[in-house]
């Protein structure tokens, strides 16, 4: 089975900030951030709407 990764432009920037050991575990990316508050979920929702996904 062949796997691929689709990046939103914003998510690609988020991804580059992750340690490589974490990067290889991620497939479809909308937003990468700590879940310390609701901000990451708000950003993910915003990006999903902007990119119609």
N, C-alpha and C. Protein backbone atom coordinates (compact mmCIF):
# COMPACT_ATOMS: atom_id res chain seq x y z
N UNK A 1 0.84 -1.17 0.00
CA UNK A 1 0.00 0.00 0.00
C UNK A 1 0.89 1.24 0.00
N UNK A 2 0.55 2.18 -0.84
CA UNK A 2 1.31 3.43 -0.94
C UNK A 2 0.56 4.52 -0.18
N UNK A 3 1.29 5.23 0.65
CA UNK A 3 0.71 6.32 1.43
C UNK A 3 1.19 7.66 0.88
N UNK A 4 0.38 8.65 1.03
CA UNK A 4 0.77 10.00 0.63
C UNK A 4 0.33 11.00 1.68
N UNK A 5 0.91 12.15 1.63
CA UNK A 5 0.55 13.20 2.56
C UNK A 5 0.13 14.42 1.78
N UNK A 6 -1.03 14.98 2.13
CA UNK A 6 -1.51 16.21 1.52
C UNK A 6 -1.33 17.33 2.53
N UNK A 7 -0.70 18.42 2.11
CA UNK A 7 -0.47 19.54 3.00
C UNK A 7 -1.27 20.76 2.59
N UNK A 8 -1.92 21.38 3.55
CA UNK A 8 -2.37 22.74 3.35
C UNK A 8 -1.11 23.58 3.53
N UNK A 9 -1.03 24.71 2.89
CA UNK A 9 0.17 25.53 2.99
C UNK A 9 0.45 25.89 4.46
N UNK A 10 -0.59 26.22 5.20
CA UNK A 10 -0.42 26.59 6.59
C UNK A 10 0.08 25.41 7.42
N UNK A 11 -0.45 24.22 7.14
CA UNK A 11 -0.08 23.03 7.89
C UNK A 11 1.36 22.61 7.61
N UNK A 12 1.83 22.84 6.40
CA UNK A 12 3.21 22.50 6.09
C UNK A 12 4.18 23.28 6.98
N UNK A 13 3.86 24.54 7.22
CA UNK A 13 4.68 25.34 8.13
C UNK A 13 4.62 24.78 9.54
N UNK A 14 3.43 24.38 9.97
CA UNK A 14 3.28 23.78 11.30
C UNK A 14 4.10 22.50 11.40
N UNK A 15 4.04 21.69 10.37
CA UNK A 15 4.71 20.39 10.35
C UNK A 15 6.22 20.53 10.50
N UNK A 16 6.78 21.53 9.84
CA UNK A 16 8.23 21.72 9.89
C UNK A 16 8.73 22.01 11.30
N UNK A 17 7.82 22.47 12.17
CA UNK A 17 8.20 22.77 13.54
C UNK A 17 8.23 21.52 14.43
N UNK A 18 7.69 20.40 13.93
CA UNK A 18 7.67 19.17 14.71
C UNK A 18 8.98 18.41 14.61
N UNK A 19 9.29 17.65 15.65
CA UNK A 19 10.43 16.74 15.63
C UNK A 19 10.20 15.70 14.53
N UNK A 20 11.26 15.25 13.88
CA UNK A 20 11.13 14.30 12.78
C UNK A 20 10.43 13.01 13.20
N UNK A 21 10.67 12.54 14.42
CA UNK A 21 10.05 11.29 14.88
C UNK A 21 8.53 11.42 14.94
N UNK A 22 8.03 12.61 15.14
CA UNK A 22 6.59 12.85 15.14
C UNK A 22 6.09 13.06 13.72
N UNK A 23 6.89 13.72 12.88
CA UNK A 23 6.48 13.99 11.51
C UNK A 23 6.13 12.72 10.75
N UNK A 24 6.87 11.64 10.95
CA UNK A 24 6.63 10.43 10.17
C UNK A 24 5.36 9.70 10.57
N UNK A 25 4.72 10.09 11.66
CA UNK A 25 3.49 9.45 12.13
C UNK A 25 2.23 10.14 11.61
N UNK A 26 2.37 11.27 10.93
CA UNK A 26 1.24 12.11 10.56
C UNK A 26 0.88 11.89 9.11
N UNK A 27 -0.40 11.72 8.79
CA UNK A 27 -0.84 11.63 7.40
C UNK A 27 -1.49 12.91 6.95
N UNK A 28 -2.85 13.12 7.00
CA UNK A 28 -3.50 14.35 6.54
C UNK A 28 -3.42 15.39 7.65
N UNK A 29 -2.94 16.59 7.32
CA UNK A 29 -2.66 17.62 8.31
C UNK A 29 -3.51 18.85 8.03
N UNK A 30 -4.19 19.32 9.06
CA UNK A 30 -4.96 20.55 8.94
C UNK A 30 -4.30 21.65 9.75
N UNK A 31 -3.92 21.30 10.96
CA UNK A 31 -3.21 22.24 11.83
C UNK A 31 -2.38 21.44 12.82
N UNK A 32 -1.21 21.95 13.14
CA UNK A 32 -0.35 21.32 14.12
C UNK A 32 -0.11 22.33 15.24
N UNK A 33 -0.52 21.95 16.43
CA UNK A 33 -0.36 22.83 17.57
C UNK A 33 -0.62 22.05 18.84
N UNK A 34 -0.19 22.60 19.96
CA UNK A 34 -0.49 21.99 21.25
C UNK A 34 -1.98 22.13 21.53
N UNK A 35 -2.53 21.14 22.23
CA UNK A 35 -3.96 21.18 22.56
C UNK A 35 -4.18 21.76 23.96
N UNK A 36 -3.44 22.77 24.30
CA UNK A 36 -3.54 23.34 25.64
C UNK A 36 -4.79 24.19 25.82
N UNK A 37 -5.37 24.63 24.74
CA UNK A 37 -6.62 25.38 24.81
C UNK A 37 -7.43 25.09 23.55
N UNK A 38 -8.49 25.78 23.37
CA UNK A 38 -9.36 25.54 22.21
C UNK A 38 -8.84 26.17 20.92
N UNK A 39 -7.75 26.93 20.97
CA UNK A 39 -7.26 27.65 19.81
C UNK A 39 -6.96 26.73 18.63
N UNK A 40 -6.33 25.59 18.90
CA UNK A 40 -5.98 24.67 17.81
C UNK A 40 -7.23 24.16 17.09
N UNK A 41 -8.30 23.92 17.84
CA UNK A 41 -9.54 23.44 17.23
C UNK A 41 -10.21 24.56 16.42
N UNK A 42 -10.13 25.78 16.90
CA UNK A 42 -10.67 26.92 16.16
C UNK A 42 -9.90 27.11 14.86
N UNK A 43 -8.57 27.01 14.93
CA UNK A 43 -7.73 27.17 13.73
C UNK A 43 -8.01 26.05 12.73
N UNK A 44 -8.17 24.82 13.21
CA UNK A 44 -8.46 23.70 12.32
C UNK A 44 -9.79 23.91 11.61
N UNK A 45 -10.79 24.35 12.34
CA UNK A 45 -12.09 24.62 11.75
C UNK A 45 -12.00 25.70 10.68
N UNK A 46 -11.27 26.76 10.99
CA UNK A 46 -11.08 27.86 10.04
C UNK A 46 -10.41 27.36 8.76
N UNK A 47 -9.35 26.58 8.91
CA UNK A 47 -8.63 26.08 7.73
C UNK A 47 -9.48 25.12 6.93
N UNK A 48 -10.27 24.26 7.60
CA UNK A 48 -11.16 23.34 6.87
C UNK A 48 -12.16 24.10 6.03
N UNK A 49 -12.72 25.18 6.59
CA UNK A 49 -13.68 25.99 5.84
C UNK A 49 -13.00 26.70 4.67
N UNK A 50 -11.80 27.26 4.90
CA UNK A 50 -11.10 27.98 3.85
C UNK A 50 -10.75 27.07 2.67
N UNK A 51 -10.41 25.82 2.97
CA UNK A 51 -9.97 24.89 1.93
C UNK A 51 -11.04 23.88 1.53
N UNK A 52 -12.24 24.07 2.07
CA UNK A 52 -13.38 23.24 1.69
C UNK A 52 -13.12 21.74 1.90
N UNK A 53 -12.59 21.40 3.08
CA UNK A 53 -12.33 19.98 3.39
C UNK A 53 -13.06 19.58 4.66
